[in-house]
Amino acid sequence: MQNNISNVIVFDEKISTYVFYTKVTKTFYDMYMSQRNTAPILDFRKTKYITPEAIPVLLSFGDYLSRLYKRKIQIVYTRGSELHNFFMVSKFYEISQKLDIFEWDDVSYEWYYKELRKLHKISYTNIIYADVEKIKEPMQKRDFISDCLRDRSKVIYQNVLSDTNKLPENIIGATIDAIVEIETNAIMYSQSHSFTYVASDRYGTKISIADSGIGFKESFLRNKRELKMVKKFQGVEKKFNNYLVIMSALNYSFEKHMESKRDDLWSLRTDIIKNNGTFKIQYENTQVIFSCNRCKNCTQINGKKDISICVQCLMRQYSIDTYSPIKIFNIGFQGVRVEVSINKEG
């Protein structure tokens, strides 16, 4: 990751979510601290490949920047490149235009040469906010948003998730419901659009959901909800603060699921690891990783009233190596991001 010109962020040959959390955020932070009033230019001319999971993260990053600087963010790229083609056919450009996120050279925009699988497109929470704001009662507002998103999600994601995988139909349905729940929360509580990419091929399924909203902690505080795991483990090292915020959000989801059997973050986590997958959730500078190898056969939480045992278990396994279930990065990144991967045996 280079930043040779003061407000130009030059991206690497390969962009992944890990690159965002370790390099892009640091580069932007350094730039912002030196000249706060100058919007960055994102330069993709060296980039040859972007992982599908990084597309929603890139859009949420752009959404955050465009709101911060109150203008579209300029991007530059190589015309006819694989990256340009992927941006084109995955609806990256289309969504960027509709939401006034990025701006670019329109001449380059029209040219592409290779088709992506038709099912694999980015989607976003395309809700007319004027309609939402007319509804004053919170639960009615939530139901309205959820119903709108569910109708769209069944059309978009049902075919993708059942395309080449062997996931049970009930798990596919529960996964769609969980995606809808996450997207609904982005609108209701994080005050943000949510961007989702779902792809399925012979190797398995990948799901990526990202928003650039106010995040878990501020959302809980505004809605006068208790961050229970933060309170319960308030004596731990300061570096685990955002980890405990994430686990408080998962604990709230766990409680709601136990109460109403609603498909949500916790149920998605559980379904994914039971089907040989990996579930990652990232907030600010911290990412928590639940894998089937680590969590599939765990029964300690059965019958419990909260997830404090899970909180302790992952903290005990924390380290600075690659396989740590908790990753703590140097710089935070506004919003919440969820990544799911399920291998072909899932």
Protein backbone atom coordinates (compact mmCIF):
# COMPACT_ATOMS: atom_id res chain seq x y z
CA MET A 1 0.00 0.00 0.00
CA GLN A 2 1.53 3.29 -1.11
CA ASN A 3 0.69 6.92 -0.49
CA ASN A 4 3.40 8.74 -2.47
CA ILE A 5 1.19 11.73 -3.30
CA SER A 6 -0.33 13.25 -0.19
CA ASN A 7 -4.00 12.50 -0.92
CA VAL A 8 -3.66 9.47 -3.24
CA ILE A 9 -4.07 5.98 -1.77
CA VAL A 10 -2.38 3.52 -4.15
CA PHE A 11 -3.79 0.01 -3.74
CA ASP A 12 -1.73 -3.20 -3.94
CA GLU A 13 -1.95 -5.82 -6.71
CA LYS A 14 -4.37 -7.86 -4.60
CA ILE A 15 -7.06 -6.38 -2.37
CA SER A 16 -8.56 -8.45 0.44
CA THR A 17 -10.46 -7.56 3.59
CA TYR A 18 -7.25 -8.19 5.52
CA VAL A 19 -5.48 -5.59 3.38
CA PHE A 20 -8.22 -3.12 4.30
CA TYR A 21 -7.89 -3.74 8.02
CA THR A 22 -4.08 -3.66 8.07
CA LYS A 23 -3.03 -1.27 5.28
CA VAL A 24 -5.84 0.85 3.83
CA THR A 25 -7.08 2.12 7.19
CA LYS A 26 -3.52 2.97 8.28
CA THR A 27 -2.77 4.81 5.02
CA PHE A 28 -5.99 6.80 5.24
CA TYR A 29 -5.42 7.58 8.92
CA ASP A 30 -1.94 8.99 8.20
CA MET A 31 -3.32 11.04 5.29
CA TYR A 32 -6.24 12.35 7.34
CA MET A 33 -4.02 13.40 10.23
CA SER A 34 -1.81 15.46 7.88
CA GLN A 35 -4.59 17.14 5.85
CA ARG A 36 -8.09 16.63 7.18
CA ASN A 37 -9.94 18.72 4.59
CA THR A 38 -8.65 16.96 1.46
CA ALA A 39 -10.60 13.95 0.19
CA PRO A 40 -8.48 10.97 -0.86
CA ILE A 41 -8.19 9.63 -4.40
CA LEU A 42 -8.29 5.83 -4.59
CA ASP A 43 -5.84 4.55 -7.22
CA PHE A 44 -6.47 0.97 -8.46
CA ARG A 45 -4.16 1.06 -11.50
CA LYS A 46 -1.78 -1.50 -9.97
CA THR A 47 -4.57 -3.75 -8.73
CA LYS A 48 -5.09 -7.02 -10.59
CA TYR A 49 -7.47 -8.81 -8.24
CA ILE A 50 -9.96 -8.09 -5.48
CA THR A 51 -11.48 -10.84 -3.36
CA PRO A 52 -15.29 -10.83 -3.59
CA GLU A 53 -15.60 -10.39 0.19
CA ALA A 54 -13.72 -7.08 -0.10
CA ILE A 55 -16.25 -5.47 -2.48
CA PRO A 56 -18.86 -4.61 0.22
CA VAL A 57 -16.02 -3.40 2.47
CA LEU A 58 -14.74 -1.12 -0.30
CA LEU A 59 -18.23 0.27 -0.88
CA SER A 60 -18.79 0.84 2.84
CA PHE A 61 -15.39 2.59 3.04
CA GLY A 62 -16.36 4.81 0.11
CA ASP A 63 -19.78 5.47 1.66
CA TYR A 64 -18.08 6.60 4.86
CA LEU A 65 -15.62 8.84 2.98
CA SER A 66 -18.31 10.43 0.80
CA ARG A 67 -20.33 11.35 3.89
CA LEU A 68 -17.23 12.55 5.75
CA TYR A 69 -16.12 14.87 2.93
CA LYS A 70 -19.64 15.59 1.61
CA ARG A 71 -18.64 14.75 -1.96
CA LYS A 72 -18.07 11.79 -4.27
CA ILE A 73 -14.69 10.11 -3.90
CA GLN A 74 -12.56 9.91 -7.03
CA ILE A 75 -11.26 6.52 -8.17
CA VAL A 76 -8.79 5.78 -10.98
CA TYR A 77 -8.12 2.42 -12.62
CA THR A 78 -6.81 0.81 -15.80
CA ARG A 79 -9.36 0.60 -18.58
CA GLY A 80 -10.01 -2.99 -19.66
CA SER A 81 -8.38 -4.55 -16.60
CA GLU A 82 -9.86 -7.58 -14.84
CA LEU A 83 -10.62 -5.35 -11.87
CA HIS A 84 -12.48 -2.85 -14.04
CA ASN A 85 -14.44 -5.69 -15.59
CA PHE A 86 -15.34 -7.11 -12.18
CA PHE A 87 -16.45 -3.69 -10.94
CA MET A 88 -18.62 -3.36 -14.03
CA VAL A 89 -20.46 -6.66 -14.00
CA SER A 90 -20.82 -6.97 -10.21
CA LYS A 91 -22.80 -3.68 -10.13
CA PHE A 92 -20.08 -1.86 -8.19
CA TYR A 93 -20.29 1.12 -10.55
CA GLU A 94 -24.08 1.06 -10.70
CA ILE A 95 -24.44 1.17 -6.91
CA SER A 96 -21.70 3.81 -6.61
CA GLN A 97 -23.64 6.04 -9.00
CA LYS A 98 -27.01 5.54 -7.32
CA LEU A 99 -25.65 6.35 -3.86
CA ASP A 100 -23.21 9.10 -4.97
CA ILE A 101 -20.22 7.26 -3.48
CA PHE A 102 -17.50 7.29 -6.16
CA GLU A 103 -16.78 9.26 -9.33
CA TRP A 104 -14.54 8.20 -12.24
CA ASP A 105 -13.78 8.67 -15.94
CA ASP A 106 -17.07 7.92 -17.71
CA VAL A 107 -15.30 7.01 -20.96
CA SER A 108 -13.66 4.02 -19.28
CA TYR A 109 -16.88 2.96 -17.60
CA GLU A 110 -18.59 1.73 -20.77
CA TRP A 111 -15.97 -0.84 -21.80
CA TYR A 112 -15.79 -4.42 -20.60
CA TYR A 113 -15.08 -7.75 -22.23
CA LYS A 114 -15.89 -10.68 -19.97
CA GLU A 115 -19.09 -11.74 -18.23
CA LEU A 116 -19.26 -12.63 -14.54
CA ARG A 117 -21.64 -15.35 -13.39
CA LYS A 118 -25.06 -13.72 -13.61
CA LEU A 119 -26.02 -14.63 -10.07
CA HIS A 120 -23.06 -12.92 -8.44
CA LYS A 121 -23.93 -9.26 -7.92
CA ILE A 122 -23.54 -6.81 -5.08
CA SER A 123 -26.78 -5.72 -3.46
CA TYR A 124 -27.51 -2.91 -1.07
CA THR A 125 -30.33 -1.84 1.23
CA ASN A 126 -32.36 -0.02 -1.42
CA ILE A 127 -35.06 1.33 0.87
CA ILE A 128 -36.80 4.67 0.25
CA TYR A 129 -35.99 6.47 3.50
CA ALA A 130 -38.90 8.89 3.13
CA ASP A 131 -41.25 5.89 3.39
CA VAL A 132 -39.41 4.61 6.46
CA GLU A 133 -39.48 7.96 8.26
CA LYS A 134 -43.26 8.19 7.91
CA ILE A 135 -43.54 5.26 10.33
CA LYS A 136 -43.10 6.44 13.92
CA GLU A 137 -43.65 3.23 15.90
CA PRO A 138 -40.26 1.41 16.10
CA MET A 139 -41.54 -2.16 15.67
CA GLN A 140 -43.75 -1.19 12.73
CA LYS A 141 -40.77 0.57 11.16
CA ARG A 142 -38.60 -2.49 11.72
CA ASP A 143 -41.23 -4.82 10.22
CA PHE A 144 -41.60 -2.56 7.18
CA ILE A 145 -37.85 -2.52 6.51
CA SER A 146 -37.49 -6.25 7.14
CA ASP A 147 -40.39 -7.17 4.84
CA CYS A 148 -39.00 -5.02 2.01
CA LEU A 149 -35.54 -6.53 2.33
CA ARG A 150 -36.81 -10.10 2.70
CA ASP A 151 -38.80 -9.95 -0.54
CA ARG A 152 -35.71 -8.73 -2.39
CA SER A 153 -33.35 -11.15 -0.65
CA LYS A 154 -35.38 -14.24 -1.52
CA VAL A 155 -35.13 -13.29 -5.19
CA ILE A 156 -31.40 -12.52 -5.07
CA TYR A 157 -29.93 -15.02 -2.61
CA GLN A 158 -32.12 -18.14 -2.84
CA ASN A 159 -30.74 -19.13 -6.24
CA VAL A 160 -27.17 -18.26 -5.29
CA LEU A 161 -27.14 -20.30 -2.08
CA SER A 162 -28.77 -23.34 -3.69
CA ASP A 163 -26.85 -23.03 -6.98
CA THR A 164 -23.98 -25.47 -6.41
CA ASN A 165 -24.04 -26.19 -2.69
CA LYS A 166 -25.49 -29.01 -0.62
CA LEU A 167 -26.76 -26.80 2.18
CA PRO A 168 -30.09 -27.96 3.62
CA GLU A 169 -33.08 -25.88 2.55
CA ASN A 170 -33.80 -24.84 6.13
CA ILE A 171 -30.24 -23.55 6.51
CA ILE A 172 -30.54 -21.60 3.25
CA GLY A 173 -33.77 -20.03 4.51
CA ALA A 174 -32.25 -19.26 7.90
CA THR A 175 -29.18 -17.72 6.25
CA ILE A 176 -31.36 -15.42 4.13
CA ASP A 177 -33.35 -14.41 7.22
CA ALA A 178 -30.12 -13.67 9.09
CA ILE A 179 -28.81 -11.52 6.22
CA VAL A 180 -32.09 -9.59 6.25
CA GLU A 181 -31.81 -9.11 10.03
CA ILE A 182 -28.26 -7.74 9.72
CA GLU A 183 -29.26 -5.38 6.90
CA THR A 184 -32.35 -4.22 8.82
CA ASN A 185 -30.22 -3.41 11.85
CA ALA A 186 -27.88 -1.33 9.67
CA ILE A 187 -30.80 0.90 8.68
CA MET A 188 -32.60 0.92 12.03
CA TYR A 189 -29.69 1.32 14.42
CA SER A 190 -26.45 2.05 12.53
CA GLN A 191 -28.04 4.68 10.27
CA SER A 192 -26.24 3.36 7.22
CA HIS A 193 -26.65 1.53 3.96
CA SER A 194 -25.54 -2.08 4.04
CA PHE A 195 -23.72 -3.77 1.14
CA THR A 196 -23.92 -7.53 0.58
CA TYR A 197 -22.16 -9.93 -1.76
CA VAL A 198 -23.16 -13.61 -1.92
CA ALA A 199 -21.33 -16.00 -4.23
CA SER A 200 -21.52 -19.76 -4.65
CA ASP A 201 -19.46 -22.05 -6.87
CA ARG A 202 -18.07 -25.59 -6.91
CA TYR A 203 -15.74 -24.72 -4.02
CA GLY A 204 -18.41 -23.41 -1.67
CA THR A 205 -20.18 -20.22 -0.61
CA LYS A 206 -18.92 -16.81 0.47
CA ILE A 207 -21.02 -14.06 2.02
CA SER A 208 -19.81 -10.57 2.85
CA ILE A 209 -21.91 -7.85 4.50
CA ALA A 210 -20.57 -4.40 5.38
CA ASP A 211 -21.91 -1.05 6.54
CA SER A 212 -20.30 2.26 7.52
CA GLY A 213 -22.70 3.13 10.32
CA ILE A 214 -22.24 4.20 13.92
CA GLY A 215 -21.34 0.68 15.05
CA PHE A 216 -22.34 -1.57 17.93
CA LYS A 217 -21.34 0.55 20.92
CA GLU A 218 -22.99 3.80 19.84
CA SER A 219 -26.08 1.92 18.67
CA PHE A 220 -26.46 0.20 22.06
CA LEU A 221 -25.95 3.46 23.95
CA ARG A 222 -28.49 5.36 21.86
CA ASN A 223 -31.07 2.63 22.39
CA LYS A 224 -30.29 2.38 26.12
CA ARG A 225 -29.22 -1.26 25.86
CA GLU A 226 -26.64 -2.72 28.17
CA LEU A 227 -23.33 -3.97 26.79
CA LYS A 228 -23.44 -6.98 29.09
CA MET A 229 -20.12 -8.60 28.22
CA VAL A 230 -18.33 -5.25 28.58
CA LYS A 231 -19.80 -4.90 32.06
CA LYS A 232 -19.17 -8.53 33.05
CA PHE A 233 -15.50 -8.51 31.97
CA GLN A 234 -14.63 -4.90 32.80
CA GLY A 235 -11.41 -5.95 34.53
CA VAL A 236 -9.71 -7.41 31.43
CA GLU A 237 -6.94 -5.74 29.43
CA LYS A 238 -7.95 -2.57 27.60
CA LYS A 239 -7.01 -4.03 24.21
CA PHE A 240 -10.05 -6.34 24.47
CA ASN A 241 -12.55 -3.45 24.76
CA ASN A 242 -13.86 -3.72 21.19
CA TYR A 243 -13.82 -7.51 21.41
CA LEU A 244 -16.18 -7.28 24.39
CA VAL A 245 -18.40 -4.85 22.46
CA ILE A 246 -18.66 -7.40 19.63
CA MET A 247 -19.41 -10.19 22.09
CA SER A 248 -22.02 -8.00 23.81
CA ALA A 249 -23.76 -7.59 20.45
CA LEU A 250 -23.60 -11.34 19.89
CA ASN A 251 -24.90 -11.93 23.41
CA TYR A 252 -27.87 -9.64 22.73
CA SER A 253 -28.48 -11.60 19.53
CA PHE A 254 -28.17 -14.87 21.49
CA GLU A 255 -30.77 -13.69 24.02
CA LYS A 256 -33.18 -12.58 21.29
CA HIS A 257 -32.76 -15.88 19.47
CA MET A 258 -33.44 -17.87 22.66
CA GLU A 259 -36.48 -15.70 23.32
CA SER A 260 -38.12 -15.65 19.88
CA LYS A 261 -36.08 -18.07 17.69
CA ARG A 262 -35.42 -15.16 15.35
CA ASP A 263 -32.66 -15.80 12.81
CA ASP A 264 -29.94 -13.24 13.47
CA LEU A 265 -26.20 -12.84 13.98
CA TRP A 266 -25.97 -15.58 16.60
CA SER A 267 -28.05 -18.10 14.65
CA LEU A 268 -26.05 -17.36 11.49
CA ARG A 269 -22.82 -17.98 13.41
CA THR A 270 -24.19 -21.27 14.74
CA ASP A 271 -25.51 -22.51 11.39
CA ILE A 272 -22.27 -21.67 9.60
CA ILE A 273 -19.94 -23.50 12.00
CA LYS A 274 -22.27 -26.52 12.08
CA ASN A 275 -21.94 -26.70 8.28
CA ASN A 276 -18.13 -26.68 8.26
CA GLY A 277 -17.85 -22.95 7.71
CA THR A 278 -16.13 -19.91 9.16
CA PHE A 279 -17.90 -16.84 10.56
CA LYS A 280 -16.00 -13.55 11.02
CA ILE A 281 -17.33 -10.34 12.54
CA GLN A 282 -15.32 -7.12 12.57
CA TYR A 283 -15.95 -3.84 14.40
CA GLU A 284 -13.58 -0.88 14.81
CA ASN A 285 -10.08 -2.40 15.15
CA THR A 286 -11.13 -5.92 16.17
CA GLN A 287 -12.19 -9.05 14.31
CA VAL A 288 -13.57 -12.21 15.95
CA ILE A 289 -13.33 -15.50 14.06
CA PHE A 290 -15.52 -18.54 14.75
CA SER A 291 -14.44 -21.63 12.80
CA CYS A 292 -15.94 -25.10 12.57
CA ASN A 293 -12.64 -26.62 13.75
CA ARG A 294 -12.66 -24.52 16.90
CA CYS A 295 -16.38 -24.28 17.73
CA LYS A 296 -18.36 -27.05 16.00
CA ASN A 297 -18.40 -29.55 18.85
CA CYS A 298 -18.61 -27.04 21.69
CA THR A 299 -21.52 -27.75 24.03
CA GLN A 300 -20.49 -25.55 26.97
CA ILE A 301 -22.98 -22.83 26.08
CA ASN A 302 -25.97 -25.19 25.99
CA GLY A 303 -28.52 -24.20 28.62
CA LYS A 304 -26.65 -21.03 29.57
CA LYS A 305 -28.29 -17.61 29.95
CA ASP A 306 -25.48 -15.74 28.20
CA ILE A 307 -22.33 -16.37 26.14
CA SER A 308 -19.77 -15.52 28.84
CA ILE A 309 -18.19 -18.99 28.55
CA CYS A 310 -17.65 -18.36 24.84
CA VAL A 311 -16.13 -14.94 25.65
CA GLN A 312 -13.63 -16.52 28.06
CA CYS A 313 -12.81 -19.39 25.70
CA LEU A 314 -11.79 -17.12 22.81
CA MET A 315 -9.82 -14.76 25.07
CA ARG A 316 -7.79 -17.71 26.37
CA GLN A 317 -6.86 -18.58 22.79
CA TYR A 318 -5.85 -15.04 21.82
CA SER A 319 -2.36 -14.62 20.42
CA ILE A 320 -0.63 -12.49 17.79
CA ASP A 321 -0.28 -15.40 15.36
CA THR A 322 -2.32 -16.06 12.22
CA TYR A 323 -4.70 -18.56 13.80
CA SER A 324 -5.86 -16.45 16.73
CA PRO A 325 -9.68 -16.26 17.00
CA ILE A 326 -9.32 -12.57 17.93
CA LYS A 327 -7.42 -10.17 15.67
CA ILE A 328 -6.67 -6.66 16.93
CA PHE A 329 -5.49 -4.19 14.28
CA ASN A 330 -3.62 -0.92 14.78
CA ILE A 331 -6.33 1.34 13.33
CA GLY A 332 -10.11 1.11 13.63
CA PHE A 333 -12.59 1.14 10.74
CA GLN A 334 -16.07 2.60 11.21
CA GLY A 335 -19.04 0.27 10.82
CA VAL A 336 -19.59 -3.48 11.11
CA ARG A 337 -18.50 -6.21 8.72
CA VAL A 338 -19.52 -9.88 8.58
CA GLU A 339 -17.78 -12.53 6.46
CA VAL A 340 -18.96 -16.09 5.98
CA SER A 341 -17.34 -18.95 4.09
CA ILE A 342 -18.70 -22.49 3.75
CA ASN A 343 -16.69 -25.17 1.99
CA LYS A 344 -18.24 -27.51 -0.58
CA GLU A 345 -18.84 -30.28 1.95
CA GLY A 346 -21.06 -27.87 3.94
